[in-house]
Amino acid sequence: MAFNTKEKIAIAKMLVECGADELEIGIPAMGEDEKRDIKTLLSLELDVRMMTWNRAVMKDLEASLECGVKARS
């Protein structure tokens, strides 16, 4: 099951409220919709470290950087 953008935003905000100090917010290699959601979550400027999941290939890392992600797991 995949969450829609509105659900992802709500989940991220609730996790921050619960005290999470980092969030894995998506997988940019999944496509443009996922990249859009990652950018949306980053734009919220929540007080938490946000990172994405990537395979160990340059294309995945570049996709994360294109979204503006600073941390990657």
C-alpha atoms as a PDB file:
ATOM      1  CA  MET A   1       0.000   0.000   0.000  1.00  0.00           C
ATOM      2  CA  ALA A   2       1.286   3.444  -0.910  1.00  0.00           C
ATOM      3  CA  PHE A   3       0.328   6.648   0.855  1.00  0.00           C
ATOM      4  CA  ASN A   4      -0.869   9.699  -1.052  1.00  0.00           C
ATOM      5  CA  THR A   5       0.789  13.097  -0.620  1.00  0.00           C
ATOM      6  CA  LYS A   6      -1.697  14.331   1.970  1.00  0.00           C
ATOM      7  CA  GLU A   7      -1.218  11.181   4.056  1.00  0.00           C
ATOM      8  CA  LYS A   8       2.580  11.432   3.838  1.00  0.00           C
ATOM      9  CA  ILE A   9       2.457  15.026   5.106  1.00  0.00           C
ATOM     10  CA  ALA A  10       0.176  14.079   7.994  1.00  0.00           C
ATOM     11  CA  ILE A  11       2.368  11.110   8.942  1.00  0.00           C
ATOM     12  CA  ALA A  12       5.550  13.198   8.832  1.00  0.00           C
ATOM     13  CA  LYS A  13       4.037  15.894  11.041  1.00  0.00           C
ATOM     14  CA  MET A  14       2.765  13.329  13.552  1.00  0.00           C
ATOM     15  CA  LEU A  15       6.135  11.587  13.720  1.00  0.00           C
ATOM     16  CA  VAL A  16       7.856  14.905  14.419  1.00  0.00           C
ATOM     17  CA  GLU A  17       5.286  15.687  17.116  1.00  0.00           C
ATOM     18  CA  CYS A  18       6.016  12.276  18.674  1.00  0.00           C
ATOM     19  CA  GLY A  19       9.701  13.126  18.888  1.00  0.00           C
ATOM     20  CA  ALA A  20      11.206  11.443  15.833  1.00  0.00           C
ATOM     21  CA  ASP A  21      14.583  12.971  15.009  1.00  0.00           C
ATOM     22  CA  GLU A  22      14.870  11.639  11.466  1.00  0.00           C
ATOM     23  CA  LEU A  23      12.506  10.497   8.740  1.00  0.00           C
ATOM     24  CA  GLU A  24      13.049   8.398   5.636  1.00  0.00           C
ATOM     25  CA  ILE A  25      10.723  10.240   3.277  1.00  0.00           C
ATOM     26  CA  GLY A  26      10.840   8.265   0.063  1.00  0.00           C
ATOM     27  CA  ILE A  27      12.649   6.545  -2.773  1.00  0.00           C
ATOM     28  CA  PRO A  28      13.345   9.011  -5.616  1.00  0.00           C
ATOM     29  CA  ALA A  29      14.139   6.205  -8.076  1.00  0.00           C
ATOM     30  CA  MET A  30      10.437   5.236  -7.956  1.00  0.00           C
ATOM     31  CA  GLY A  31       9.568   8.107 -10.291  1.00  0.00           C
ATOM     32  CA  GLU A  32       8.374  11.659 -10.691  1.00  0.00           C
ATOM     33  CA  ASP A  33       5.400  11.388  -8.318  1.00  0.00           C
ATOM     34  CA  GLU A  34       7.688  10.172  -5.544  1.00  0.00           C
ATOM     35  CA  LYS A  35      10.178  12.967  -6.270  1.00  0.00           C
ATOM     36  CA  ARG A  36       7.354  15.511  -6.091  1.00  0.00           C
ATOM     37  CA  ASP A  37       6.273  14.158  -2.708  1.00  0.00           C
ATOM     38  CA  ILE A  38       9.846  14.267  -1.397  1.00  0.00           C
ATOM     39  CA  LYS A  39      10.184  17.901  -2.485  1.00  0.00           C
ATOM     40  CA  THR A  40       6.842  18.694  -0.836  1.00  0.00           C
ATOM     41  CA  LEU A  41       7.944  17.104   2.451  1.00  0.00           C
ATOM     42  CA  LEU A  42      11.266  18.959   2.353  1.00  0.00           C
ATOM     43  CA  SER A  43       9.450  22.239   1.754  1.00  0.00           C
ATOM     44  CA  LEU A  44       7.632  21.836   5.082  1.00  0.00           C
ATOM     45  CA  GLU A  45      10.975  22.546   6.800  1.00  0.00           C
ATOM     46  CA  LEU A  46      10.105  20.269   9.710  1.00  0.00           C
ATOM     47  CA  ASP A  47      12.592  20.238  12.588  1.00  0.00           C
ATOM     48  CA  VAL A  48      13.859  16.771  11.731  1.00  0.00           C
ATOM     49  CA  ARG A  49      16.559  15.206   9.571  1.00  0.00           C
ATOM     50  CA  MET A  50      14.987  13.966   6.336  1.00  0.00           C
ATOM     51  CA  MET A  51      16.605  11.355   4.151  1.00  0.00           C
ATOM     52  CA  THR A  52      15.747   9.094   1.248  1.00  0.00           C
ATOM     53  CA  TRP A  53      16.409   5.444   0.506  1.00  0.00           C
ATOM     54  CA  ASN A  54      18.738   4.672  -2.385  1.00  0.00           C
ATOM     55  CA  ARG A  55      20.368   1.684  -3.987  1.00  0.00           C
ATOM     56  CA  ALA A  56      24.152   1.942  -4.201  1.00  0.00           C
ATOM     57  CA  VAL A  57      24.048   3.323  -7.730  1.00  0.00           C
ATOM     58  CA  MET A  58      24.896   6.834  -8.855  1.00  0.00           C
ATOM     59  CA  LYS A  59      21.518   7.352 -10.584  1.00  0.00           C
ATOM     60  CA  ASP A  60      19.660   6.899  -7.275  1.00  0.00           C
ATOM     61  CA  LEU A  61      21.990   9.239  -5.410  1.00  0.00           C
ATOM     62  CA  GLU A  62      21.663  11.877  -8.113  1.00  0.00           C
ATOM     63  CA  ALA A  63      17.852  11.618  -7.950  1.00  0.00           C
ATOM     64  CA  SER A  64      17.981  12.333  -4.204  1.00  0.00           C
ATOM     65  CA  LEU A  65      20.257  15.310  -4.709  1.00  0.00           C
ATOM     66  CA  GLU A  66      17.959  16.667  -7.441  1.00  0.00           C
ATOM     67  CA  CYS A  67      15.111  16.646  -4.889  1.00  0.00           C
ATOM     68  CA  GLY A  68      17.187  18.683  -2.451  1.00  0.00           C
ATOM     69  CA  VAL A  69      17.819  15.913   0.059  1.00  0.00           C
ATOM     70  CA  LYS A  70      20.914  16.407   2.188  1.00  0.00           C
ATOM     71  CA  ALA A  71      20.977  13.008   3.952  1.00  0.00           C
ATOM     72  CA  ARG A  72      20.688   9.612   2.290  1.00  0.00           C
ATOM     73  CA  SER A  73      20.482   6.125   3.782  1.00  0.00           C
END
